N, C-alpha and C. Protein backbone atom coordinates (compact mmCIF):
# COMPACT_ATOMS: atom_id res chain seq x y z
N MET A 1 2.85 0.98 -35.85
CA MET A 1 3.95 1.88 -35.56
C MET A 1 4.86 1.92 -36.78
N VAL A 2 5.24 3.12 -37.16
CA VAL A 2 6.14 3.31 -38.29
C VAL A 2 7.58 3.17 -37.79
N LEU A 3 8.34 2.36 -38.47
CA LEU A 3 9.75 2.17 -38.11
C LEU A 3 10.63 2.90 -39.10
N LYS A 4 11.73 3.45 -38.61
CA LYS A 4 12.72 4.10 -39.46
C LYS A 4 14.06 3.45 -39.19
N LYS A 5 14.76 3.20 -40.23
CA LYS A 5 16.07 2.59 -40.10
C LYS A 5 17.12 3.69 -40.18
N ARG A 6 18.07 3.66 -39.25
CA ARG A 6 19.13 4.65 -39.20
C ARG A 6 20.46 3.94 -39.00
N THR A 7 21.52 4.64 -39.34
CA THR A 7 22.85 4.11 -39.13
C THR A 7 23.61 5.08 -38.24
N TYR A 8 24.14 4.57 -37.13
CA TYR A 8 24.92 5.38 -36.20
C TYR A 8 26.22 4.66 -35.90
N GLY A 9 27.25 5.42 -35.69
CA GLY A 9 28.53 4.85 -35.30
C GLY A 9 28.58 4.73 -33.78
N LEU A 10 28.84 3.53 -33.29
CA LEU A 10 28.89 3.28 -31.85
C LEU A 10 30.20 2.59 -31.51
N PRO A 11 30.67 2.76 -30.27
CA PRO A 11 31.91 2.08 -29.86
C PRO A 11 31.75 0.56 -29.95
N ALA A 12 32.75 -0.09 -30.50
CA ALA A 12 32.70 -1.53 -30.73
C ALA A 12 32.44 -2.32 -29.45
N ASP A 13 33.10 -1.96 -28.35
CA ASP A 13 32.91 -2.71 -27.11
C ASP A 13 31.47 -2.60 -26.60
N ALA A 14 30.87 -1.43 -26.76
CA ALA A 14 29.48 -1.26 -26.32
C ALA A 14 28.54 -2.11 -27.18
N VAL A 15 28.77 -2.13 -28.48
CA VAL A 15 27.92 -2.92 -29.37
C VAL A 15 28.08 -4.41 -29.08
N GLU A 16 29.29 -4.84 -28.85
CA GLU A 16 29.53 -6.26 -28.56
C GLU A 16 28.83 -6.68 -27.27
N SER A 17 28.94 -5.87 -26.23
CA SER A 17 28.27 -6.19 -24.96
C SER A 17 26.76 -6.18 -25.14
N PHE A 18 26.27 -5.20 -25.86
CA PHE A 18 24.83 -5.10 -26.11
C PHE A 18 24.33 -6.34 -26.85
N GLU A 19 25.04 -6.75 -27.88
CA GLU A 19 24.60 -7.90 -28.69
C GLU A 19 24.73 -9.22 -27.92
N LYS A 20 25.65 -9.29 -26.96
CA LYS A 20 25.75 -10.48 -26.11
C LYS A 20 24.57 -10.57 -25.16
N ASP A 21 24.18 -9.41 -24.62
CA ASP A 21 23.15 -9.37 -23.58
C ASP A 21 21.72 -9.32 -24.12
N VAL A 22 21.53 -8.82 -25.33
CA VAL A 22 20.17 -8.62 -25.85
C VAL A 22 19.96 -9.51 -27.07
N PRO A 23 18.94 -10.37 -27.03
CA PRO A 23 18.65 -11.25 -28.16
C PRO A 23 18.32 -10.44 -29.42
N PRO A 24 18.65 -10.97 -30.60
CA PRO A 24 18.44 -10.24 -31.86
C PRO A 24 17.02 -9.70 -32.04
N GLY A 25 16.00 -10.42 -31.65
CA GLY A 25 14.63 -9.96 -31.84
C GLY A 25 14.21 -8.83 -30.91
N ASP A 26 15.01 -8.56 -29.87
CA ASP A 26 14.66 -7.54 -28.88
C ASP A 26 15.48 -6.25 -29.00
N ARG A 27 16.48 -6.25 -29.84
CA ARG A 27 17.43 -5.13 -29.87
C ARG A 27 16.79 -3.80 -30.26
N SER A 28 15.97 -3.78 -31.29
CA SER A 28 15.34 -2.52 -31.70
C SER A 28 14.45 -1.97 -30.58
N ALA A 29 13.70 -2.84 -29.92
CA ALA A 29 12.81 -2.41 -28.85
C ALA A 29 13.63 -1.86 -27.67
N VAL A 30 14.75 -2.51 -27.36
CA VAL A 30 15.59 -2.04 -26.25
C VAL A 30 16.18 -0.67 -26.59
N VAL A 31 16.67 -0.51 -27.81
CA VAL A 31 17.23 0.78 -28.22
C VAL A 31 16.14 1.86 -28.19
N ALA A 32 14.94 1.53 -28.68
CA ALA A 32 13.83 2.49 -28.66
C ALA A 32 13.50 2.89 -27.23
N ASP A 33 13.46 1.92 -26.31
CA ASP A 33 13.18 2.23 -24.90
C ASP A 33 14.27 3.11 -24.30
N LEU A 34 15.51 2.82 -24.64
CA LEU A 34 16.62 3.63 -24.13
C LEU A 34 16.52 5.07 -24.63
N ILE A 35 16.19 5.24 -25.90
CA ILE A 35 16.05 6.59 -26.47
C ILE A 35 14.89 7.32 -25.79
N ARG A 36 13.75 6.64 -25.64
CA ARG A 36 12.59 7.27 -24.98
C ARG A 36 12.93 7.68 -23.54
N HIS A 37 13.60 6.79 -22.83
CA HIS A 37 13.99 7.07 -21.45
C HIS A 37 14.93 8.29 -21.40
N TRP A 38 15.90 8.33 -22.28
CA TRP A 38 16.86 9.43 -22.33
C TRP A 38 16.14 10.75 -22.62
N LEU A 39 15.23 10.74 -23.59
CA LEU A 39 14.48 11.95 -23.94
C LEU A 39 13.59 12.41 -22.78
N ALA A 40 12.93 11.46 -22.11
CA ALA A 40 12.08 11.80 -20.97
C ALA A 40 12.91 12.40 -19.84
N GLU A 41 14.06 11.83 -19.58
CA GLU A 41 14.94 12.35 -18.53
C GLU A 41 15.42 13.75 -18.89
N LYS A 42 15.72 13.98 -20.15
CA LYS A 42 16.16 15.30 -20.60
C LYS A 42 15.04 16.33 -20.38
N ARG A 43 13.79 15.96 -20.69
CA ARG A 43 12.65 16.86 -20.46
C ARG A 43 12.47 17.14 -18.97
N ARG A 44 12.59 16.09 -18.14
CA ARG A 44 12.45 16.28 -16.69
C ARG A 44 13.55 17.21 -16.15
N ARG A 45 14.76 17.04 -16.65
CA ARG A 45 15.88 17.88 -16.21
C ARG A 45 15.61 19.34 -16.57
N LYS A 46 15.14 19.59 -17.79
CA LYS A 46 14.83 20.96 -18.20
C LYS A 46 13.71 21.55 -17.35
N LEU A 47 12.70 20.73 -17.06
CA LEU A 47 11.60 21.19 -16.23
C LEU A 47 12.08 21.52 -14.82
N ARG A 48 12.92 20.65 -14.24
CA ARG A 48 13.47 20.92 -12.91
C ARG A 48 14.26 22.23 -12.91
N GLU A 49 15.07 22.44 -13.95
CA GLU A 49 15.85 23.67 -14.04
C GLU A 49 14.93 24.89 -14.14
N ALA A 50 13.85 24.78 -14.91
CA ALA A 50 12.91 25.89 -15.05
C ALA A 50 12.21 26.18 -13.72
N VAL A 51 11.83 25.13 -13.01
CA VAL A 51 11.17 25.31 -11.71
C VAL A 51 12.15 25.95 -10.72
N ASP A 52 13.39 25.46 -10.69
CA ASP A 52 14.40 26.04 -9.80
C ASP A 52 14.61 27.52 -10.11
N GLU A 53 14.72 27.84 -11.39
CA GLU A 53 14.93 29.23 -11.80
C GLU A 53 13.72 30.09 -11.41
N GLY A 54 12.53 29.57 -11.63
CA GLY A 54 11.32 30.29 -11.25
C GLY A 54 11.25 30.54 -9.75
N CYS A 55 11.64 29.55 -8.96
CA CYS A 55 11.65 29.70 -7.50
C CYS A 55 12.65 30.77 -7.08
N ARG A 56 13.82 30.77 -7.70
CA ARG A 56 14.82 31.79 -7.37
C ARG A 56 14.28 33.18 -7.73
N GLU A 57 13.62 33.28 -8.88
CA GLU A 57 13.08 34.57 -9.31
C GLU A 57 11.95 35.04 -8.40
N MET A 58 11.20 34.12 -7.83
CA MET A 58 10.05 34.47 -7.00
C MET A 58 10.40 34.57 -5.52
N ALA A 59 11.62 34.24 -5.13
CA ALA A 59 11.99 34.18 -3.72
C ALA A 59 11.73 35.50 -3.00
N GLU A 60 12.10 36.61 -3.61
CA GLU A 60 11.90 37.91 -2.97
C GLU A 60 10.41 38.19 -2.77
N LEU A 61 9.61 37.89 -3.78
CA LEU A 61 8.16 38.09 -3.65
C LEU A 61 7.59 37.21 -2.55
N TYR A 62 8.03 35.95 -2.48
CA TYR A 62 7.55 35.05 -1.42
C TYR A 62 7.90 35.60 -0.04
N LEU A 63 9.09 36.17 0.11
CA LEU A 63 9.49 36.74 1.40
C LEU A 63 8.60 37.93 1.76
N GLU A 64 8.29 38.77 0.79
CA GLU A 64 7.41 39.92 1.05
C GLU A 64 6.02 39.45 1.46
N ILE A 65 5.50 38.45 0.79
CA ILE A 65 4.18 37.91 1.14
C ILE A 65 4.21 37.31 2.54
N GLU A 66 5.28 36.58 2.85
CA GLU A 66 5.40 35.96 4.17
C GLU A 66 5.43 37.04 5.25
N LYS A 67 6.16 38.13 5.01
CA LYS A 67 6.21 39.23 5.98
C LYS A 67 4.82 39.83 6.19
N GLU A 68 4.07 39.92 5.12
CA GLU A 68 2.72 40.50 5.20
C GLU A 68 1.79 39.64 6.05
N TYR A 69 1.90 38.31 5.92
CA TYR A 69 0.98 37.42 6.62
C TYR A 69 1.52 36.89 7.94
N HIS A 70 2.79 37.11 8.24
CA HIS A 70 3.39 36.56 9.45
C HIS A 70 2.67 37.01 10.73
N PRO A 71 2.33 38.29 10.87
CA PRO A 71 1.60 38.69 12.10
C PRO A 71 0.28 37.94 12.26
N LEU A 72 -0.42 37.70 11.18
CA LEU A 72 -1.67 36.95 11.25
C LEU A 72 -1.41 35.52 11.71
N GLU A 73 -0.37 34.93 11.18
CA GLU A 73 0.01 33.57 11.56
C GLU A 73 0.34 33.50 13.06
N GLU A 74 1.07 34.50 13.55
CA GLU A 74 1.40 34.53 14.97
C GLU A 74 0.15 34.68 15.83
N GLU A 75 -0.79 35.52 15.40
CA GLU A 75 -2.03 35.71 16.14
C GLU A 75 -2.82 34.41 16.21
N ILE A 76 -2.89 33.70 15.10
CA ILE A 76 -3.60 32.41 15.08
C ILE A 76 -2.93 31.43 16.04
N HIS A 77 -1.60 31.41 16.04
CA HIS A 77 -0.85 30.52 16.93
C HIS A 77 -1.14 30.87 18.39
N ARG A 78 -1.12 32.18 18.72
CA ARG A 78 -1.40 32.59 20.10
C ARG A 78 -2.82 32.19 20.50
N GLN A 79 -3.77 32.43 19.63
CA GLN A 79 -5.16 32.11 19.96
C GLN A 79 -5.35 30.60 20.11
N THR A 80 -4.72 29.82 19.25
CA THR A 80 -4.82 28.37 19.33
C THR A 80 -4.21 27.87 20.64
N ALA A 81 -3.06 28.42 21.01
CA ALA A 81 -2.41 28.02 22.27
C ALA A 81 -3.30 28.39 23.45
N LEU A 82 -3.91 29.58 23.42
CA LEU A 82 -4.81 30.01 24.48
C LEU A 82 -6.01 29.08 24.56
N ASP A 83 -6.62 28.77 23.44
CA ASP A 83 -7.77 27.86 23.41
C ASP A 83 -7.39 26.50 23.99
N ARG A 84 -6.20 26.03 23.67
CA ARG A 84 -5.75 24.72 24.16
C ARG A 84 -5.58 24.75 25.68
N ARG A 85 -5.02 25.87 26.22
CA ARG A 85 -4.84 25.97 27.67
C ARG A 85 -6.20 26.03 28.37
N ILE A 86 -7.13 26.78 27.81
CA ILE A 86 -8.48 26.87 28.40
C ILE A 86 -9.13 25.49 28.39
N TRP A 87 -9.00 24.77 27.29
CA TRP A 87 -9.60 23.44 27.18
C TRP A 87 -8.98 22.49 28.19
N GLN A 88 -7.64 22.56 28.33
CA GLN A 88 -6.96 21.66 29.27
C GLN A 88 -7.38 21.96 30.71
N ARG A 89 -7.53 23.25 31.07
CA ARG A 89 -8.01 23.61 32.40
C ARG A 89 -9.41 23.05 32.62
N GLY A 90 -10.26 23.18 31.62
CA GLY A 90 -11.62 22.66 31.73
C GLY A 90 -11.62 21.16 31.91
N GLN A 91 -10.73 20.47 31.23
CA GLN A 91 -10.63 19.01 31.37
C GLN A 91 -10.19 18.64 32.79
N ARG A 92 -9.22 19.37 33.33
CA ARG A 92 -8.74 19.08 34.69
C ARG A 92 -9.86 19.32 35.69
N ASN A 93 -10.59 20.42 35.52
CA ASN A 93 -11.71 20.71 36.45
C ASN A 93 -12.79 19.65 36.32
N HIS A 94 -13.05 19.23 35.08
CA HIS A 94 -14.07 18.20 34.86
C HIS A 94 -13.64 16.88 35.49
N ASP A 95 -12.37 16.50 35.32
CA ASP A 95 -11.86 15.24 35.88
C ASP A 95 -11.87 15.30 37.42
N ALA A 96 -11.58 16.46 37.99
CA ALA A 96 -11.52 16.61 39.45
C ALA A 96 -12.93 16.52 40.06
N SER A 97 -13.94 16.91 39.30
CA SER A 97 -15.30 16.90 39.85
C SER A 97 -15.94 15.52 39.80
N ARG A 98 -15.29 14.58 39.20
CA ARG A 98 -15.87 13.22 39.10
C ARG A 98 -15.76 12.47 40.36
């Protein structure tokens, strides 16, 4: 892994706490992990925003599609309920004949 040395100005209290809590041999790795985590979170936030925006843009189309298929969904529900009632009647008749 290629390392690059940089100089950044940081608040003194933050640096002091960091140096108290993190051993000298681990500091670069901890800072690298923090930067990677921050960058990953930033990418996830942008992706979430893009997905939210896409959903808002597609909402009207989704509603139109739902309207188109809703009668079919209702028919399936009615048929399923009818099939269930027929099956239950058959079960009661079968149990009564035992």
